[in-house]
Amino acid sequence: MLPSRKTIIGKITLAQKASKSGDIVLVTPDIIAADLIELGRNVNEIPHILCELLENTNPDDYMGTRPAQRSYEPAISGCELYAFKTTSKTIGAKFIINLQ
């Protein structure tokens, strides 16, 4: 059973607002940077790419569980994670994003 559609939409909306205001945390920045370089992109593009991914994310992209899994990463340890799989039209690649 998945979280309610209202819950999922709320998480996406909060993430969109946070990314537009620059209030984001990259839990594994070294991995993200390496992936972007492999895709021929620059780390400075992260805010733009993240905004695009979130604008294209909808509840049908949810691939997590209920209850949401908890993070084991020290920076966000114990926080619920809501996983989405979406595609960047700018980069032409699929991404999995985890929203808190």
PDB file of N, CA and C in Angstrom:
ATOM      1  N   MET A   1       0.842  -1.179   0.000  1.00  0.00           N
ATOM      2  CA  MET A   1       0.000   0.000   0.000  1.00  0.00           C
ATOM      3  C   MET A   1       0.891   1.248   0.000  1.00  0.00           C
ATOM      4  N   LEU A   2       0.525   2.206  -0.817  1.00  0.00           N
ATOM      5  CA  LEU A   2       1.303   3.432  -0.955  1.00  0.00           C
ATOM      6  C   LEU A   2       0.776   4.529  -0.047  1.00  0.00           C
ATOM      7  N   PRO A   3       1.614   5.549   0.210  1.00  0.00           N
ATOM      8  CA  PRO A   3       1.098   6.722   0.921  1.00  0.00           C
ATOM      9  C   PRO A   3      -0.031   7.344   0.101  1.00  0.00           C
ATOM     10  N   SER A   4      -0.853   8.118   0.743  1.00  0.00           N
ATOM     11  CA  SER A   4      -1.979   8.734   0.024  1.00  0.00           C
ATOM     12  C   SER A   4      -1.466   9.670  -1.068  1.00  0.00           C
ATOM     13  N   ARG A   5      -2.278   9.855  -2.079  1.00  0.00           N
ATOM     14  CA  ARG A   5      -1.945  10.772  -3.180  1.00  0.00           C
ATOM     15  C   ARG A   5      -1.696  12.185  -2.632  1.00  0.00           C
ATOM     16  N   LYS A   6      -2.494  12.579  -1.636  1.00  0.00           N
ATOM     17  CA  LYS A   6      -2.341  13.900  -1.012  1.00  0.00           C
ATOM     18  C   LYS A   6      -0.970  14.036  -0.354  1.00  0.00           C
ATOM     19  N   THR A   7      -0.524  12.995   0.333  1.00  0.00           N
ATOM     20  CA  THR A   7       0.789  13.002   0.974  1.00  0.00           C
ATOM     21  C   THR A   7       1.894  13.125  -0.064  1.00  0.00           C
ATOM     22  N   ILE A   8       1.789  12.353  -1.126  1.00  0.00           N
ATOM     23  CA  ILE A   8       2.804  12.360  -2.176  1.00  0.00           C
ATOM     24  C   ILE A   8       2.864  13.731  -2.861  1.00  0.00           C
ATOM     25  N   ILE A   9       1.712  14.284  -3.188  1.00  0.00           N
ATOM     26  CA  ILE A   9       1.667  15.615  -3.811  1.00  0.00           C
ATOM     27  C   ILE A   9       2.266  16.661  -2.868  1.00  0.00           C
ATOM     28  N   GLY A  10       1.965  16.532  -1.589  1.00  0.00           N
ATOM     29  CA  GLY A  10       2.519  17.459  -0.599  1.00  0.00           C
ATOM     30  C   GLY A  10       4.039  17.408  -0.555  1.00  0.00           C
ATOM     31  N   LYS A  11       4.612  16.212  -0.627  1.00  0.00           N
ATOM     32  CA  LYS A  11       6.075  16.061  -0.607  1.00  0.00           C
ATOM     33  C   LYS A  11       6.696  16.690  -1.857  1.00  0.00           C
ATOM     34  N   ILE A  12       6.072  16.467  -3.008  1.00  0.00           N
ATOM     35  CA  ILE A  12       6.582  17.051  -4.251  1.00  0.00           C
ATOM     36  C   ILE A  12       6.516  18.576  -4.179  1.00  0.00           C
ATOM     37  N   THR A  13       5.398  19.099  -3.706  1.00  0.00           N
ATOM     38  CA  THR A  13       5.210  20.554  -3.614  1.00  0.00           C
ATOM     39  C   THR A  13       6.233  21.186  -2.670  1.00  0.00           C
ATOM     40  N   LEU A  14       6.444  20.567  -1.516  1.00  0.00           N
ATOM     41  CA  LEU A  14       7.446  21.083  -0.565  1.00  0.00           C
ATOM     42  C   LEU A  14       8.847  21.061  -1.176  1.00  0.00           C
ATOM     43  N   ALA A  15       9.149  20.006  -1.883  1.00  0.00           N
ATOM     44  CA  ALA A  15      10.468  19.895  -2.506  1.00  0.00           C
ATOM     45  C   ALA A  15      10.652  20.944  -3.598  1.00  0.00           C
ATOM     46  N   GLN A  16       9.593  21.223  -4.352  1.00  0.00           N
ATOM     47  CA  GLN A  16       9.672  22.259  -5.385  1.00  0.00           C
ATOM     48  C   GLN A  16       9.962  23.617  -4.766  1.00  0.00           C
ATOM     49  N   LYS A  17       9.250  23.935  -3.691  1.00  0.00           N
ATOM     50  CA  LYS A  17       9.475  25.214  -3.008  1.00  0.00           C
ATOM     51  C   LYS A  17      10.892  25.296  -2.446  1.00  0.00           C
ATOM     52  N   ALA A  18      11.352  24.215  -1.837  1.00  0.00           N
ATOM     53  CA  ALA A  18      12.692  24.188  -1.258  1.00  0.00           C
ATOM     54  C   ALA A  18      13.767  24.338  -2.330  1.00  0.00           C
ATOM     55  N   SER A  19      13.595  23.663  -3.444  1.00  0.00           N
ATOM     56  CA  SER A  19      14.620  23.738  -4.489  1.00  0.00           C
ATOM     57  C   SER A  19      14.657  25.127  -5.123  1.00  0.00           C
ATOM     58  N   LYS A  20      13.512  25.756  -5.288  1.00  0.00           N
ATOM     59  CA  LYS A  20      13.472  27.103  -5.861  1.00  0.00           C
ATOM     60  C   LYS A  20      14.111  28.131  -4.940  1.00  0.00           C
ATOM     61  N   SER A  21      14.025  27.896  -3.634  1.00  0.00           N
ATOM     62  CA  SER A  21      14.624  28.837  -2.683  1.00  0.00           C
ATOM     63  C   SER A  21      16.066  28.461  -2.336  1.00  0.00           C
ATOM     64  N   GLY A  22      16.550  27.353  -2.896  1.00  0.00           N
ATOM     65  CA  GLY A  22      17.923  26.924  -2.635  1.00  0.00           C
ATOM     66  C   GLY A  22      18.095  26.195  -1.322  1.00  0.00           C
ATOM     67  N   ASP A  23      17.011  25.798  -0.710  1.00  0.00           N
ATOM     68  CA  ASP A  23      17.038  25.115   0.584  1.00  0.00           C
ATOM     69  C   ASP A  23      17.091  23.599   0.360  1.00  0.00           C
ATOM     70  N   ILE A  24      18.220  23.134  -0.169  1.00  0.00           N
ATOM     71  CA  ILE A  24      18.383  21.708  -0.464  1.00  0.00           C
ATOM     72  C   ILE A  24      19.658  21.194   0.189  1.00  0.00           C
ATOM     73  N   VAL A  25      19.691  19.893   0.433  1.00  0.00           N
ATOM     74  CA  VAL A  25      20.876  19.232   0.960  1.00  0.00           C
ATOM     75  C   VAL A  25      21.198  18.071   0.035  1.00  0.00           C
ATOM     76  N   LEU A  26      22.408  18.053  -0.482  1.00  0.00           N
ATOM     77  CA  LEU A  26      22.874  16.928  -1.285  1.00  0.00           C
ATOM     78  C   LEU A  26      23.589  15.985  -0.338  1.00  0.00           C
ATOM     79  N   VAL A  27      22.967  14.870  -0.057  1.00  0.00           N
ATOM     80  CA  VAL A  27      23.496  13.948   0.948  1.00  0.00           C
ATOM     81  C   VAL A  27      24.775  13.272   0.468  1.00  0.00           C
ATOM     82  N   THR A  28      24.852  12.994  -0.822  1.00  0.00           N
ATOM     83  CA  THR A  28      26.046  12.360  -1.392  1.00  0.00           C
ATOM     84  C   THR A  28      26.560  13.211  -2.559  1.00  0.00           C
ATOM     85  N   PRO A  29      27.071  14.403  -2.262  1.00  0.00           N
ATOM     86  CA  PRO A  29      27.468  15.315  -3.342  1.00  0.00           C
ATOM     87  C   PRO A  29      28.561  14.753  -4.253  1.00  0.00           C
ATOM     88  N   ASP A  30      29.476  13.949  -3.714  1.00  0.00           N
ATOM     89  CA  ASP A  30      30.547  13.390  -4.540  1.00  0.00           C
ATOM     90  C   ASP A  30      29.994  12.433  -5.597  1.00  0.00           C
ATOM     91  N   ILE A  31      29.002  11.639  -5.230  1.00  0.00           N
ATOM     92  CA  ILE A  31      28.381  10.711  -6.174  1.00  0.00           C
ATOM     93  C   ILE A  31      27.581  11.477  -7.220  1.00  0.00           C
ATOM     94  N   ILE A  32      26.850  12.483  -6.767  1.00  0.00           N
ATOM     95  CA  ILE A  32      26.057  13.299  -7.687  1.00  0.00           C
ATOM     96  C   ILE A  32      26.974  14.015  -8.670  1.00  0.00           C
ATOM     97  N   ALA A  33      28.070  14.576  -8.184  1.00  0.00           N
ATOM     98  CA  ALA A  33      29.017  15.271  -9.056  1.00  0.00           C
ATOM     99  C   ALA A  33      29.607  14.321 -10.090  1.00  0.00           C
ATOM    100  N   ALA A  34      29.998  13.134  -9.667  1.00  0.00           N
ATOM    101  CA  ALA A  34      30.577  12.150 -10.590  1.00  0.00           C
ATOM    102  C   ALA A  34      29.561  11.751 -11.663  1.00  0.00           C
ATOM    103  N   ASP A  35      28.314  11.547 -11.269  1.00  0.00           N
ATOM    104  CA  ASP A  35      27.262  11.187 -12.235  1.00  0.00           C
ATOM    105  C   ASP A  35      27.032  12.311 -13.238  1.00  0.00           C
ATOM    106  N   LEU A  36      27.000  13.551 -12.761  1.00  0.00           N
ATOM    107  CA  LEU A  36      26.793  14.688 -13.656  1.00  0.00           C
ATOM    108  C   LEU A  36      27.942  14.834 -14.648  1.00  0.00           C
ATOM    109  N   ILE A  37      29.162  14.674 -14.174  1.00  0.00           N
ATOM    110  CA  ILE A  37      30.326  14.769 -15.059  1.00  0.00           C
ATOM    111  C   ILE A  37      30.252  13.678 -16.124  1.00  0.00           C
ATOM    112  N   GLU A  38      29.864  12.476 -15.715  1.00  0.00           N
ATOM    113  CA  GLU A  38      29.716  11.369 -16.671  1.00  0.00           C
ATOM    114  C   GLU A  38      28.658  11.684 -17.728  1.00  0.00           C
ATOM    115  N   LEU A  39      27.640  12.458 -17.350  1.00  0.00           N
ATOM    116  CA  LEU A  39      26.580  12.851 -18.278  1.00  0.00           C
ATOM    117  C   LEU A  39      26.942  14.121 -19.062  1.00  0.00           C
ATOM    118  N   GLY A  40      28.161  14.623 -18.847  1.00  0.00           N
ATOM    119  CA  GLY A  40      28.610  15.810 -19.559  1.00  0.00           C
ATOM    120  C   GLY A  40      28.030  17.103 -19.004  1.00  0.00           C
ATOM    121  N   ARG A  41      27.665  17.096 -17.735  1.00  0.00           N
ATOM    122  CA  ARG A  41      27.072  18.269 -17.094  1.00  0.00           C
ATOM    123  C   ARG A  41      27.966  18.792 -15.992  1.00  0.00           C
ATOM    124  N   ASN A  42      27.646  19.995 -15.535  1.00  0.00           N
ATOM    125  CA  ASN A  42      28.428  20.684 -14.514  1.00  0.00           C
ATOM    126  C   ASN A  42      27.658  20.687 -13.203  1.00  0.00           C
ATOM    127  N   VAL A  43      28.373  20.638 -12.107  1.00  0.00           N
ATOM    128  CA  VAL A  43      27.760  20.646 -10.778  1.00  0.00           C
ATOM    129  C   VAL A  43      26.927  21.919 -10.560  1.00  0.00           C
ATOM    130  N   ASN A  44      27.322  23.007 -11.193  1.00  0.00           N
ATOM    131  CA  ASN A  44      26.573  24.264 -11.057  1.00  0.00           C
ATOM    132  C   ASN A  44      25.155  24.164 -11.612  1.00  0.00           C
ATOM    133  N   GLU A  45      24.884  23.143 -12.407  1.00  0.00           N
ATOM    134  CA  GLU A  45      23.556  22.952 -12.997  1.00  0.00           C
ATOM    135  C   GLU A  45      22.574  22.251 -12.065  1.00  0.00           C
ATOM    136  N   ILE A  46      23.044  21.805 -10.917  1.00  0.00           N
ATOM    137  CA  ILE A  46      22.197  21.023 -10.010  1.00  0.00           C
ATOM    138  C   ILE A  46      20.878  21.727  -9.680  1.00  0.00           C
ATOM    139  N   PRO A  47      20.870  22.989  -9.278  1.00  0.00           N
ATOM    140  CA  PRO A  47      19.588  23.622  -8.950  1.00  0.00           C
ATOM    141  C   PRO A  47      18.600  23.605 -10.125  1.00  0.00           C
ATOM    142  N   HIS A  48      19.088  23.902 -11.322  1.00  0.00           N
ATOM    143  CA  HIS A  48      18.218  23.904 -12.507  1.00  0.00           C
ATOM    144  C   HIS A  48      17.697  22.498 -12.807  1.00  0.00           C
ATOM    145  N   ILE A  49      18.592  21.524 -12.752  1.00  0.00           N
ATOM    146  CA  ILE A  49      18.195  20.137 -13.031  1.00  0.00           C
ATOM    147  C   ILE A  49      17.191  19.651 -11.997  1.00  0.00           C
ATOM    148  N   LEU A  50      17.445  19.950 -10.728  1.00  0.00           N
ATOM    149  CA  LEU A  50      16.531  19.533  -9.671  1.00  0.00           C
ATOM    150  C   LEU A  50      15.149  20.156  -9.850  1.00  0.00           C
ATOM    151  N   CYS A  51      15.105  21.446 -10.158  1.00  0.00           N
ATOM    152  CA  CYS A  51      13.810  22.104 -10.395  1.00  0.00           C
ATOM    153  C   CYS A  51      13.075  21.448 -11.555  1.00  0.00           C
ATOM    154  N   GLU A  52      13.793  21.153 -12.629  1.00  0.00           N
ATOM    155  CA  GLU A  52      13.168  20.494 -13.776  1.00  0.00           C
ATOM    156  C   GLU A  52      12.629  19.115 -13.395  1.00  0.00           C
ATOM    157  N   LEU A  53      13.426  18.341 -12.671  1.00  0.00           N
ATOM    158  CA  LEU A  53      12.983  17.001 -12.265  1.00  0.00           C
ATOM    159  C   LEU A  53      11.722  17.077 -11.416  1.00  0.00           C
ATOM    160  N   LEU A  54      11.699  18.005 -10.480  1.00  0.00           N
ATOM    161  CA  LEU A  54      10.537  18.122  -9.595  1.00  0.00           C
ATOM    162  C   LEU A  54       9.306  18.620 -10.333  1.00  0.00           C
ATOM    163  N   GLU A  55       9.490  19.501 -11.317  1.00  0.00           N
ATOM    164  CA  GLU A  55       8.348  19.981 -12.103  1.00  0.00           C
ATOM    165  C   GLU A  55       7.741  18.857 -12.930  1.00  0.00           C
ATOM    166  N   ASN A  56       8.570  17.877 -13.299  1.00  0.00           N
ATOM    167  CA  ASN A  56       8.092  16.757 -14.106  1.00  0.00           C
ATOM    168  C   ASN A  56       7.702  15.540 -13.277  1.00  0.00           C
ATOM    169  N   THR A  57       7.786  15.649 -11.957  1.00  0.00           N
ATOM    170  CA  THR A  57       7.465  14.528 -11.068  1.00  0.00           C
ATOM    171  C   THR A  57       5.996  14.585 -10.678  1.00  0.00           C
ATOM    172  N   ASN A  58       5.362  13.430 -10.707  1.00  0.00           N
ATOM    173  CA  ASN A  58       3.960  13.342 -10.292  1.00  0.00           C
ATOM    174  C   ASN A  58       3.770  12.104  -9.426  1.00  0.00           C
ATOM    175  N   PRO A  59       2.628  11.977  -8.773  1.00  0.00           N
ATOM    176  CA  PRO A  59       2.407  10.844  -7.868  1.00  0.00           C
ATOM    177  C   PRO A  59       2.600   9.468  -8.513  1.00  0.00           C
ATOM    178  N   ASP A  60       2.368   9.357  -9.811  1.00  0.00           N
ATOM    179  CA  ASP A  60       2.555   8.067 -10.483  1.00  0.00           C
ATOM    180  C   ASP A  60       4.025   7.663 -10.567  1.00  0.00           C
ATOM    181  N   ASP A  61       4.932   8.613 -10.336  1.00  0.00           N
ATOM    182  CA  ASP A  61       6.368   8.332 -10.360  1.00  0.00           C
ATOM    183  C   ASP A  61       6.874   7.770  -9.028  1.00  0.00           C
ATOM    184  N   TYR A  62       5.998   7.728  -8.020  1.00  0.00           N
ATOM    185  CA  TYR A  62       6.407   7.250  -6.698  1.00  0.00           C
ATOM    186  C   TYR A  62       6.783   5.781  -6.777  1.00  0.00           C
ATOM    187  N   MET A  63       7.935   5.441  -6.220  1.00  0.00           N
ATOM    188  CA  MET A  63       8.383   4.049  -6.244  1.00  0.00           C
ATOM    189  C   MET A  63       8.812   3.567  -4.863  1.00  0.00           C
ATOM    190  N   GLY A  64       8.385   4.299  -3.863  1.00  0.00           N
ATOM    191  CA  GLY A  64       8.730   3.940  -2.492  1.00  0.00           C
ATOM    192  C   GLY A  64       7.707   3.014  -1.876  1.00  0.00           C
ATOM    193  N   THR A  65       7.765   2.911  -0.572  1.00  0.00           N
ATOM    194  CA  THR A  65       6.896   2.001   0.171  1.00  0.00           C
ATOM    195  C   THR A  65       6.087   2.780   1.196  1.00  0.00           C
ATOM    196  N   ARG A  66       5.212   2.072   1.828  1.00  0.00           N
ATOM    197  CA  ARG A  66       4.481   2.622   2.957  1.00  0.00           C
ATOM    198  C   ARG A  66       4.568   1.609   4.074  1.00  0.00           C
ATOM    199  N   PRO A  67       5.055   1.974   5.201  1.00  0.00           N
ATOM    200  CA  PRO A  67       5.539   3.317   5.510  1.00  0.00           C
ATOM    201  C   PRO A  67       6.816   3.603   4.729  1.00  0.00           C
ATOM    202  N   ALA A  68       7.125   4.880   4.583  1.00  0.00           N
ATOM    203  CA  ALA A  68       8.328   5.288   3.871  1.00  0.00           C
ATOM    204  C   ALA A  68       9.557   4.740   4.583  1.00  0.00           C
ATOM    205  N   GLN A  69      10.565   4.399   3.801  1.00  0.00           N
ATOM    206  CA  GLN A  69      11.810   3.918   4.392  1.00  0.00           C
ATOM    207  C   GLN A  69      12.497   5.060   5.128  1.00  0.00           C
ATOM    208  N   ARG A  70      13.337   4.708   6.064  1.00  0.00           N
ATOM    209  CA  ARG A  70      14.093   5.698   6.830  1.00  0.00           C
ATOM    210  C   ARG A  70      15.523   5.751   6.307  1.00  0.00           C
ATOM    211  N   SER A  71      16.079   6.948   6.312  1.00  0.00           N
ATOM    212  CA  SER A  71      17.436   7.139   5.823  1.00  0.00           C
ATOM    213  C   SER A  71      18.452   6.601   6.825  1.00  0.00           C
ATOM    214  N   TYR A  72      19.516   6.058   6.288  1.00  0.00           N
ATOM    215  CA  TYR A  72      20.645   5.629   7.112  1.00  0.00           C
ATOM    216  C   TYR A  72      21.845   6.565   6.934  1.00  0.00           C
ATOM    217  N   GLU A  73      21.718   7.555   6.045  1.00  0.00           N
ATOM    218  CA  GLU A  73      22.790   8.528   5.836  1.00  0.00           C
ATOM    219  C   GLU A  73      22.892   9.436   7.068  1.00  0.00           C
ATOM    220  N   PRO A  74      24.091   9.639   7.597  1.00  0.00           N
ATOM    221  CA  PRO A  74      24.249  10.438   8.825  1.00  0.00           C
ATOM    222  C   PRO A  74      23.605  11.825   8.774  1.00  0.00           C
ATOM    223  N   ALA A  75      23.679  12.505   7.640  1.00  0.00           N
ATOM    224  CA  ALA A  75      23.150  13.875   7.540  1.00  0.00           C
ATOM    225  C   ALA A  75      21.637  13.942   7.719  1.00  0.00           C
ATOM    226  N   ILE A  76      20.950  12.866   7.367  1.00  0.00           N
ATOM    227  CA  ILE A  76      19.485  12.851   7.481  1.00  0.00           C
ATOM    228  C   ILE A  76      19.007  11.547   8.128  1.00  0.00           C
ATOM    229  N   SER A  77      19.798  11.023   9.020  1.00  0.00           N
ATOM    230  CA  SER A  77      19.510   9.747   9.664  1.00  0.00           C
ATOM    231  C   SER A  77      18.121   9.727  10.305  1.00  0.00           C
ATOM    232  N   GLY A  78      17.379   8.686   9.994  1.00  0.00           N
ATOM    233  CA  GLY A  78      16.061   8.500  10.584  1.00  0.00           C
ATOM    234  C   GLY A  78      14.927   9.216   9.870  1.00  0.00           C
ATOM    235  N   CYS A  79      15.236  10.086   8.929  1.00  0.00           N
ATOM    236  CA  CYS A  79      14.188  10.811   8.197  1.00  0.00           C
ATOM    237  C   CYS A  79      13.497   9.877   7.200  1.00  0.00           C
ATOM    238  N   GLU A  80      12.206  10.094   7.008  1.00  0.00           N
ATOM    239  CA  GLU A  80      11.471   9.315   6.015  1.00  0.00           C
ATOM    240  C   GLU A  80      11.902   9.736   4.619  1.00  0.00           C
ATOM    241  N   LEU A  81      12.005   8.766   3.714  1.00  0.00           N
ATOM    242  CA  LEU A  81      12.384   9.039   2.333  1.00  0.00           C
ATOM    243  C   LEU A  81      11.245   8.653   1.401  1.00  0.00           C
ATOM    244  N   TYR A  82      10.933   9.534   0.492  1.00  0.00           N
ATOM    245  CA  TYR A  82       9.918   9.288  -0.522  1.00  0.00           C
ATOM    246  C   TYR A  82      10.629   9.257  -1.868  1.00  0.00           C
ATOM    247  N   ALA A  83      10.724   8.072  -2.474  1.00  0.00           N
ATOM    248  CA  ALA A  83      11.501   7.878  -3.694  1.00  0.00           C
ATOM    249  C   ALA A  83      10.631   8.024  -4.940  1.00  0.00           C
ATOM    250  N   PHE A  84      11.178   8.747  -5.925  1.00  0.00           N
ATOM    251  CA  PHE A  84      10.494   8.958  -7.197  1.00  0.00           C
ATOM    252  C   PHE A  84      11.472   8.683  -8.323  1.00  0.00           C
ATOM    253  N   LYS A  85      10.974   8.113  -9.408  1.00  0.00           N
ATOM    254  CA  LYS A  85      11.785   7.907 -10.608  1.00  0.00           C
ATOM    255  C   LYS A  85      11.202   8.788 -11.693  1.00  0.00           C
ATOM    256  N   THR A  86      12.025   9.684 -12.221  1.00  0.00           N
ATOM    257  CA  THR A  86      11.562  10.632 -13.227  1.00  0.00           C
ATOM    258  C   THR A  86      12.670  10.867 -14.249  1.00  0.00           C
ATOM    259  N   THR A  87      12.323  11.514 -15.340  1.00  0.00           N
ATOM    260  CA  THR A  87      13.266  11.729 -16.433  1.00  0.00           C
ATOM    261  C   THR A  87      13.546  13.206 -16.630  1.00  0.00           C
ATOM    262  N   SER A  88      14.800  13.522 -16.849  1.00  0.00           N
ATOM    263  CA  SER A  88      15.198  14.890 -17.185  1.00  0.00           C
ATOM    264  C   SER A  88      15.181  15.027 -18.702  1.00  0.00           C
ATOM    265  N   LYS A  89      14.363  15.922 -19.196  1.00  0.00           N
ATOM    266  CA  LYS A  89      14.329  16.172 -20.632  1.00  0.00           C
ATOM    267  C   LYS A  89      15.585  16.926 -21.068  1.00  0.00           C
ATOM    268  N   THR A  90      16.137  17.733 -20.196  1.00  0.00           N
ATOM    269  CA  THR A  90      17.349  18.492 -20.500  1.00  0.00           C
ATOM    270  C   THR A  90      18.539  17.564 -20.717  1.00  0.00           C
ATOM    271  N   ILE A  91      18.677  16.585 -19.845  1.00  0.00           N
ATOM    272  CA  ILE A  91      19.818  15.684 -19.905  1.00  0.00           C
ATOM    273  C   ILE A  91      19.490  14.422 -20.703  1.00  0.00           C
ATOM    274  N   GLY A  92      18.217  14.050 -20.719  1.00  0.00           N
ATOM    275  CA  GLY A  92      17.828  12.834 -21.422  1.00  0.00           C
ATOM    276  C   GLY A  92      18.173  11.581 -20.641  1.00  0.00           C
ATOM    277  N   ALA A  93      18.102  11.671 -19.327  1.00  0.00           N
ATOM    278  CA  ALA A  93      18.426  10.533 -18.470  1.00  0.00           C
ATOM    279  C   ALA A  93      17.371  10.394 -17.375  1.00  0.00           C
ATOM    280  N   LYS A  94      17.244   9.170 -16.870  1.00  0.00           N
ATOM    281  CA  LYS A  94      16.313   8.912 -15.766  1.00  0.00           C
ATOM    282  C   LYS A  94      17.047   9.111 -14.451  1.00  0.00           C
ATOM    283  N   PHE A  95      16.313   9.633 -13.486  1.00  0.00           N
ATOM    284  CA  PHE A  95      16.862   9.888 -12.157  1.00  0.00           C
ATOM    285  C   PHE A  95      15.937   9.315 -11.093  1.00  0.00           C
ATOM    286  N   ILE A  96      16.524   8.911  -9.995  1.00  0.00           N
ATOM    287  CA  ILE A  96      15.757   8.564  -8.805  1.00  0.00           C
ATOM    288  C   ILE A  96      16.067   9.650  -7.788  1.00  0.00           C
ATOM    289  N   ILE A  97      15.021  10.316  -7.322  1.00  0.00           N
ATOM    290  CA  ILE A  97      15.210  11.361  -6.310  1.00  0.00           C
ATOM    291  C   ILE A  97      14.489  10.930  -5.042  1.00  0.00           C
ATOM    292  N   ASN A  98      15.105  11.190  -3.919  1.00  0.00           N
ATOM    293  CA  ASN A  98      14.503  10.899  -2.625  1.00  0.00           C
ATOM    294  C   ASN A  98      14.176  12.201  -1.939  1.00  0.00           C
ATOM    295  N   LEU A  99      12.911  12.350  -1.595  1.00  0.00           N
ATOM    296  CA  LEU A  99      12.450  13.546  -0.894  1.00  0.00           C
ATOM    297  C   LEU A  99      12.228  13.218   0.557  1.00  0.00           C
ATOM    298  N   GLN A 100      12.543  14.136   1.397  1.00  0.00           N
ATOM    299  CA  GLN A 100      12.362  13.950   2.836  1.00  0.00           C
ATOM    300  C   GLN A 100      11.031  14.497   3.233  1.00  0.00           C
TER     301      GLN A 100
END
